[in-house]
Amino acid sequence: MFNKIFACVFDTLKKKKIQFTYMIFRSILFQHAMLCF
């Protein structure tokens, strides 16, 4: 389920290169990394 959301966000990033979306993506990625490690 998380992979679907992740892929969707990544696809959106590729289509619309909006800095705000990128910042949200980075924060989500960082939080996920903190959970994993």
N, C-alpha and C. Protein backbone atom coordinates (compact mmCIF):
# COMPACT_ATOMS: atom_id res chain seq x y z
N MET A 1 0.83 -1.20 0.00
CA MET A 1 0.00 0.00 0.00
C MET A 1 0.87 1.26 0.00
N PHE A 2 1.92 1.26 0.85
CA PHE A 2 2.81 2.41 0.92
C PHE A 2 3.54 2.62 -0.40
N ASN A 3 3.89 1.50 -1.05
CA ASN A 3 4.60 1.57 -2.33
C ASN A 3 3.77 2.27 -3.40
N LYS A 4 2.44 2.03 -3.37
CA LYS A 4 1.54 2.68 -4.33
C LYS A 4 1.53 4.19 -4.14
N ILE A 5 1.42 4.61 -2.88
CA ILE A 5 1.44 6.04 -2.55
C ILE A 5 2.77 6.64 -2.96
N PHE A 6 3.84 5.93 -2.63
CA PHE A 6 5.20 6.37 -2.93
C PHE A 6 5.39 6.56 -4.43
N ALA A 7 4.95 5.58 -5.20
CA ALA A 7 5.06 5.63 -6.66
C ALA A 7 4.21 6.78 -7.23
N CYS A 8 3.04 6.98 -6.65
CA CYS A 8 2.14 8.04 -7.09
C CYS A 8 2.77 9.41 -6.85
N VAL A 9 3.33 9.59 -5.65
CA VAL A 9 3.99 10.86 -5.31
C VAL A 9 5.18 11.10 -6.23
N PHE A 10 5.95 10.05 -6.47
CA PHE A 10 7.13 10.15 -7.33
C PHE A 10 6.73 10.52 -8.76
N ASP A 11 5.64 9.90 -9.24
CA ASP A 11 5.13 10.18 -10.58
C ASP A 11 4.66 11.63 -10.69
N THR A 12 3.99 12.10 -9.64
CA THR A 12 3.52 13.49 -9.60
C THR A 12 4.70 14.45 -9.64
N LEU A 13 5.76 14.07 -8.91
CA LEU A 13 6.98 14.89 -8.88
C LEU A 13 7.58 15.01 -10.27
N LYS A 14 7.59 13.90 -11.00
CA LYS A 14 8.18 13.90 -12.34
C LYS A 14 7.35 14.77 -13.29
N LYS A 15 6.02 14.72 -13.13
CA LYS A 15 5.13 15.48 -14.01
C LYS A 15 5.14 16.96 -13.68
N LYS A 16 4.90 17.27 -12.41
CA LYS A 16 4.90 18.68 -12.00
C LYS A 16 6.08 18.92 -11.08
N LYS A 17 7.03 19.68 -11.53
CA LYS A 17 8.20 19.91 -10.70
C LYS A 17 7.96 21.11 -9.79
N ILE A 18 7.11 20.89 -8.80
CA ILE A 18 6.77 21.95 -7.85
C ILE A 18 7.63 21.78 -6.60
N GLN A 19 8.24 22.88 -6.18
CA GLN A 19 9.16 22.82 -5.05
C GLN A 19 8.43 22.42 -3.77
N PHE A 20 7.20 22.91 -3.59
CA PHE A 20 6.43 22.59 -2.39
C PHE A 20 6.18 21.08 -2.28
N THR A 21 5.80 20.47 -3.40
CA THR A 21 5.57 19.02 -3.44
C THR A 21 6.86 18.28 -3.12
N TYR A 22 7.97 18.80 -3.65
CA TYR A 22 9.29 18.20 -3.42
C TYR A 22 9.65 18.25 -1.94
N MET A 23 9.32 19.38 -1.29
CA MET A 23 9.60 19.52 0.14
C MET A 23 8.79 18.51 0.96
N ILE A 24 7.52 18.34 0.61
CA ILE A 24 6.66 17.36 1.29
C ILE A 24 7.22 15.96 1.07
N PHE A 25 7.60 15.67 -0.17
CA PHE A 25 8.17 14.37 -0.52
C PHE A 25 9.42 14.09 0.29
N ARG A 26 10.28 15.11 0.40
CA ARG A 26 11.52 14.96 1.16
C ARG A 26 11.24 14.69 2.63
N SER A 27 10.26 15.39 3.21
CA SER A 27 9.95 15.21 4.63
C SER A 27 9.37 13.82 4.88
N ILE A 28 8.53 13.35 3.95
CA ILE A 28 7.96 11.99 4.06
C ILE A 28 9.07 10.96 3.96
N LEU A 29 9.97 11.17 3.00
CA LEU A 29 11.09 10.25 2.79
C LEU A 29 11.98 10.20 4.02
N PHE A 30 12.24 11.38 4.61
CA PHE A 30 13.09 11.48 5.80
C PHE A 30 12.45 10.75 6.98
N GLN A 31 11.14 10.97 7.18
CA GLN A 31 10.42 10.32 8.28
C GLN A 31 10.41 8.81 8.09
N HIS A 32 10.23 8.36 6.86
CA HIS A 32 10.20 6.93 6.57
C HIS A 32 11.58 6.32 6.83
N ALA A 33 12.62 7.05 6.47
CA ALA A 33 13.99 6.58 6.70
C ALA A 33 14.27 6.48 8.20
N MET A 34 13.77 7.44 8.97
CA MET A 34 13.96 7.42 10.42
C MET A 34 13.26 6.21 11.03
N LEU A 35 12.10 5.85 10.48
CA LEU A 35 11.37 4.68 10.97
C LEU A 35 12.12 3.39 10.63
N CYS A 36 12.72 3.35 9.45
CA CYS A 36 13.41 2.14 9.00
C CYS A 36 14.73 1.95 9.75
N PHE A 37 15.45 3.04 9.96
CA PHE A 37 16.73 2.95 10.64
C PHE A 37 16.58 3.54 12.02
